[in-house]
């Protein structure tokens, strides 16, 4: 039972921490982000298993984590509010060629991030060519140019 409680506690802590850390897609991870995730994984493994490194305990921990994840995904399907709390929603960061600096600041982004997405997706090189830029729930930036 101790392993199940540990797994549930670690899952919730990581959920909150990654929610606070903000959205970033896997394609945008820096080398430091990758190293940080590996260190977090190792620390999490130690916290989850404690002194019991048996196969049974490891399987129990894995089953608990997956069950919690499936449970949350089912609740998110039924509750739009719960889904919004966990996953957030899309955020408009450029509107009619004007950068919304406060939203960029909250997302810990800058104009160069928007321009990079605009260049790669649409071949756009200036902010004033963008009708909307939207930070999606998955961390990617969608760019809608003026027609």
C-alpha atoms as a PDB file:
ATOM      1  CA  UNK A   1       0.000   0.000   0.000  1.00  0.00           C
ATOM      2  CA  UNK A   2       2.957   2.285   0.701  1.00  0.00           C
ATOM      3  CA  UNK A   3       4.038   2.085  -2.960  1.00  0.00           C
ATOM      4  CA  UNK A   4       0.582   3.066  -4.198  1.00  0.00           C
ATOM      5  CA  UNK A   5       0.496   6.110  -1.903  1.00  0.00           C
ATOM      6  CA  UNK A   6       4.032   7.094  -2.935  1.00  0.00           C
ATOM      7  CA  UNK A   7       3.122   6.790  -6.618  1.00  0.00           C
ATOM      8  CA  UNK A   8      -0.026   8.873  -6.183  1.00  0.00           C
ATOM      9  CA  UNK A   9       1.833  11.571  -4.244  1.00  0.00           C
ATOM     10  CA  UNK A  10       4.690  11.742  -6.776  1.00  0.00           C
ATOM     11  CA  UNK A  11       2.214  11.865  -9.677  1.00  0.00           C
ATOM     12  CA  UNK A  12       0.364  14.808  -8.140  1.00  0.00           C
ATOM     13  CA  UNK A  13       3.574  16.658  -7.250  1.00  0.00           C
ATOM     14  CA  UNK A  14       4.962  16.240 -10.776  1.00  0.00           C
ATOM     15  CA  UNK A  15       1.616  17.278 -12.263  1.00  0.00           C
ATOM     16  CA  UNK A  16       1.646  20.511 -10.274  1.00  0.00           C
ATOM     17  CA  UNK A  17       5.322  21.211 -10.947  1.00  0.00           C
ATOM     18  CA  UNK A  18       5.020  20.710 -14.706  1.00  0.00           C
ATOM     19  CA  UNK A  19       1.874  22.847 -14.737  1.00  0.00           C
ATOM     20  CA  UNK A  20       3.810  25.628 -13.004  1.00  0.00           C
ATOM     21  CA  UNK A  21       6.797  25.160 -15.321  1.00  0.00           C
ATOM     22  CA  UNK A  22       4.618  25.959 -18.326  1.00  0.00           C
ATOM     23  CA  UNK A  23       3.986  24.546 -21.765  1.00  0.00           C
ATOM     24  CA  UNK A  24       6.770  23.430 -23.991  1.00  0.00           C
ATOM     25  CA  UNK A  25       6.569  20.828 -26.702  1.00  0.00           C
ATOM     26  CA  UNK A  26       9.075  17.996 -26.837  1.00  0.00           C
ATOM     27  CA  UNK A  27      10.396  19.371 -30.114  1.00  0.00           C
ATOM     28  CA  UNK A  28      11.419  22.561 -28.324  1.00  0.00           C
ATOM     29  CA  UNK A  29      13.361  20.985 -25.459  1.00  0.00           C
ATOM     30  CA  UNK A  30      16.852  22.328 -24.960  1.00  0.00           C
ATOM     31  CA  UNK A  31      19.760  20.123 -23.930  1.00  0.00           C
ATOM     32  CA  UNK A  32      19.413  21.417 -20.387  1.00  0.00           C
ATOM     33  CA  UNK A  33      15.682  20.565 -20.364  1.00  0.00           C
ATOM     34  CA  UNK A  34      16.508  16.998 -21.401  1.00  0.00           C
ATOM     35  CA  UNK A  35      19.151  16.638 -18.683  1.00  0.00           C
ATOM     36  CA  UNK A  36      16.739  18.106 -16.143  1.00  0.00           C
ATOM     37  CA  UNK A  37      14.054  15.583 -17.134  1.00  0.00           C
ATOM     38  CA  UNK A  38      16.554  12.725 -16.758  1.00  0.00           C
ATOM     39  CA  UNK A  39      17.549  13.936 -13.276  1.00  0.00           C
ATOM     40  CA  UNK A  40      13.887  14.310 -12.310  1.00  0.00           C
ATOM     41  CA  UNK A  41      13.268  10.768 -13.580  1.00  0.00           C
ATOM     42  CA  UNK A  42      16.080   9.367 -11.442  1.00  0.00           C
ATOM     43  CA  UNK A  43      14.950  11.266  -8.345  1.00  0.00           C
ATOM     44  CA  UNK A  44      11.380  10.175  -8.943  1.00  0.00           C
ATOM     45  CA  UNK A  45      12.435   6.549  -9.261  1.00  0.00           C
ATOM     46  CA  UNK A  46      14.210   6.724  -5.916  1.00  0.00           C
ATOM     47  CA  UNK A  47      11.192   8.322  -4.255  1.00  0.00           C
ATOM     48  CA  UNK A  48       8.757   5.842  -5.785  1.00  0.00           C
ATOM     49  CA  UNK A  49      10.603   2.672  -4.940  1.00  0.00           C
ATOM     50  CA  UNK A  50      12.149   3.672  -1.613  1.00  0.00           C
ATOM     51  CA  UNK A  51      14.055   0.707  -0.196  1.00  0.00           C
ATOM     52  CA  UNK A  52      12.024  -1.929  -2.030  1.00  0.00           C
ATOM     53  CA  UNK A  53      13.613  -2.588  -5.428  1.00  0.00           C
ATOM     54  CA  UNK A  54      11.623  -5.745  -6.093  1.00  0.00           C
ATOM     55  CA  UNK A  55       9.982  -6.411  -9.421  1.00  0.00           C
ATOM     56  CA  UNK A  56       6.598  -6.626  -7.718  1.00  0.00           C
ATOM     57  CA  UNK A  57       6.960  -3.158  -6.225  1.00  0.00           C
ATOM     58  CA  UNK A  58       8.118  -1.674  -9.545  1.00  0.00           C
ATOM     59  CA  UNK A  59       5.133  -3.200 -11.369  1.00  0.00           C
ATOM     60  CA  UNK A  60       2.767  -1.943  -8.671  1.00  0.00           C
ATOM     61  CA  UNK A  61       4.171   1.592  -8.982  1.00  0.00           C
ATOM     62  CA  UNK A  62       3.879   1.540 -12.799  1.00  0.00           C
ATOM     63  CA  UNK A  63       0.299   0.243 -12.651  1.00  0.00           C
ATOM     64  CA  UNK A  64      -0.605   2.952 -10.110  1.00  0.00           C
ATOM     65  CA  UNK A  65       0.864   5.753 -12.246  1.00  0.00           C
ATOM     66  CA  UNK A  66      -0.886   4.534 -15.386  1.00  0.00           C
ATOM     67  CA  UNK A  67      -4.182   4.075 -13.535  1.00  0.00           C
ATOM     68  CA  UNK A  68      -4.026   7.635 -12.190  1.00  0.00           C
ATOM     69  CA  UNK A  69      -3.212   8.953 -15.667  1.00  0.00           C
ATOM     70  CA  UNK A  70      -6.103   7.046 -17.240  1.00  0.00           C
ATOM     71  CA  UNK A  71      -8.405   8.214 -14.456  1.00  0.00           C
ATOM     72  CA  UNK A  72      -7.454  11.851 -15.024  1.00  0.00           C
ATOM     73  CA  UNK A  73      -7.928  11.507 -18.780  1.00  0.00           C
ATOM     74  CA  UNK A  74     -11.430  10.067 -18.242  1.00  0.00           C
ATOM     75  CA  UNK A  75     -12.333  12.886 -15.857  1.00  0.00           C
ATOM     76  CA  UNK A  76     -10.988  15.434 -18.385  1.00  0.00           C
ATOM     77  CA  UNK A  77     -13.285  13.963 -21.041  1.00  0.00           C
ATOM     78  CA  UNK A  78     -16.309  14.475 -18.818  1.00  0.00           C
ATOM     79  CA  UNK A  79     -15.383  17.832 -17.274  1.00  0.00           C
ATOM     80  CA  UNK A  80     -14.312  20.759 -19.419  1.00  0.00           C
ATOM     81  CA  UNK A  81     -13.360  22.737 -16.294  1.00  0.00           C
ATOM     82  CA  UNK A  82     -11.086  19.982 -14.999  1.00  0.00           C
ATOM     83  CA  UNK A  83      -9.504  19.688 -18.442  1.00  0.00           C
ATOM     84  CA  UNK A  84      -8.861  23.422 -18.555  1.00  0.00           C
ATOM     85  CA  UNK A  85      -7.241  23.360 -15.117  1.00  0.00           C
ATOM     86  CA  UNK A  86      -4.952  20.466 -16.017  1.00  0.00           C
ATOM     87  CA  UNK A  87      -4.128  21.253 -19.643  1.00  0.00           C
ATOM     88  CA  UNK A  88      -4.873  24.948 -19.902  1.00  0.00           C
ATOM     89  CA  UNK A  89      -6.166  26.407 -23.117  1.00  0.00           C
ATOM     90  CA  UNK A  90      -4.799  28.124 -26.180  1.00  0.00           C
ATOM     91  CA  UNK A  91      -3.384  31.606 -25.616  1.00  0.00           C
ATOM     92  CA  UNK A  92      -3.346  34.315 -28.269  1.00  0.00           C
ATOM     93  CA  UNK A  93       0.073  36.023 -28.152  1.00  0.00           C
ATOM     94  CA  UNK A  94      -0.163  38.123 -31.341  1.00  0.00           C
ATOM     95  CA  UNK A  95      -3.380  39.763 -32.439  1.00  0.00           C
ATOM     96  CA  UNK A  96      -3.670  41.735 -35.688  1.00  0.00           C
ATOM     97  CA  UNK A  97       0.098  42.209 -35.948  1.00  0.00           C
ATOM     98  CA  UNK A  98       0.486  43.433 -32.356  1.00  0.00           C
ATOM     99  CA  UNK A  99       2.395  41.447 -29.766  1.00  0.00           C
ATOM    100  CA  UNK A 100       0.520  40.930 -26.498  1.00  0.00           C
ATOM    101  CA  UNK A 101       3.540  41.355 -24.226  1.00  0.00           C
ATOM    102  CA  UNK A 102       1.814  40.495 -20.945  1.00  0.00           C
ATOM    103  CA  UNK A 103       0.697  37.111 -22.311  1.00  0.00           C
ATOM    104  CA  UNK A 104       4.167  36.449 -23.719  1.00  0.00           C
ATOM    105  CA  UNK A 105       5.670  37.260 -20.340  1.00  0.00           C
ATOM    106  CA  UNK A 106       3.304  34.843 -18.570  1.00  0.00           C
ATOM    107  CA  UNK A 107       4.233  32.128 -21.080  1.00  0.00           C
ATOM    108  CA  UNK A 108       7.958  32.918 -20.587  1.00  0.00           C
ATOM    109  CA  UNK A 109       8.400  33.536 -24.303  1.00  0.00           C
ATOM    110  CA  UNK A 110       9.631  36.402 -26.439  1.00  0.00           C
ATOM    111  CA  UNK A 111       9.072  37.715 -29.936  1.00  0.00           C
ATOM    112  CA  UNK A 112      11.905  35.615 -31.337  1.00  0.00           C
ATOM    113  CA  UNK A 113       9.976  32.446 -30.416  1.00  0.00           C
ATOM    114  CA  UNK A 114       6.979  33.694 -32.383  1.00  0.00           C
ATOM    115  CA  UNK A 115       9.094  34.716 -35.361  1.00  0.00           C
ATOM    116  CA  UNK A 116      10.844  31.344 -35.371  1.00  0.00           C
ATOM    117  CA  UNK A 117       7.494  29.562 -35.540  1.00  0.00           C
ATOM    118  CA  UNK A 118       6.272  31.999 -38.198  1.00  0.00           C
ATOM    119  CA  UNK A 119       9.359  31.473 -40.373  1.00  0.00           C
ATOM    120  CA  UNK A 120       9.244  27.704 -40.149  1.00  0.00           C
ATOM    121  CA  UNK A 121       5.477  27.350 -40.655  1.00  0.00           C
ATOM    122  CA  UNK A 122       4.555  30.195 -42.979  1.00  0.00           C
ATOM    123  CA  UNK A 123       7.759  31.858 -44.233  1.00  0.00           C
ATOM    124  CA  UNK A 124       6.808  35.046 -42.361  1.00  0.00           C
ATOM    125  CA  UNK A 125       9.650  37.303 -41.242  1.00  0.00           C
ATOM    126  CA  UNK A 126       7.879  40.213 -39.514  1.00  0.00           C
ATOM    127  CA  UNK A 127       5.374  40.338 -36.673  1.00  0.00           C
ATOM    128  CA  UNK A 128       3.119  42.771 -38.548  1.00  0.00           C
ATOM    129  CA  UNK A 129       2.506  40.055 -41.178  1.00  0.00           C
ATOM    130  CA  UNK A 130       0.843  37.869 -38.528  1.00  0.00           C
ATOM    131  CA  UNK A 131      -2.898  38.181 -37.967  1.00  0.00           C
ATOM    132  CA  UNK A 132      -2.844  35.765 -35.008  1.00  0.00           C
ATOM    133  CA  UNK A 133      -0.188  33.725 -33.225  1.00  0.00           C
ATOM    134  CA  UNK A 134      -1.575  31.232 -30.746  1.00  0.00           C
ATOM    135  CA  UNK A 135       0.307  29.288 -28.095  1.00  0.00           C
ATOM    136  CA  UNK A 136      -1.473  25.937 -28.198  1.00  0.00           C
ATOM    137  CA  UNK A 137      -2.060  23.606 -25.250  1.00  0.00           C
ATOM    138  CA  UNK A 138       0.747  21.321 -26.448  1.00  0.00           C
ATOM    139  CA  UNK A 139       3.298  24.173 -26.413  1.00  0.00           C
ATOM    140  CA  UNK A 140       3.458  24.739 -30.176  1.00  0.00           C
ATOM    141  CA  UNK A 141       2.809  28.116 -31.723  1.00  0.00           C
ATOM    142  CA  UNK A 142       0.205  28.313 -34.492  1.00  0.00           C
ATOM    143  CA  UNK A 143       0.632  31.242 -36.867  1.00  0.00           C
ATOM    144  CA  UNK A 144      -2.213  32.637 -38.960  1.00  0.00           C
ATOM    145  CA  UNK A 145      -0.986  35.189 -41.522  1.00  0.00           C
ATOM    146  CA  UNK A 146      -2.999  37.972 -43.039  1.00  0.00           C
ATOM    147  CA  UNK A 147      -4.678  36.869 -46.288  1.00  0.00           C
END
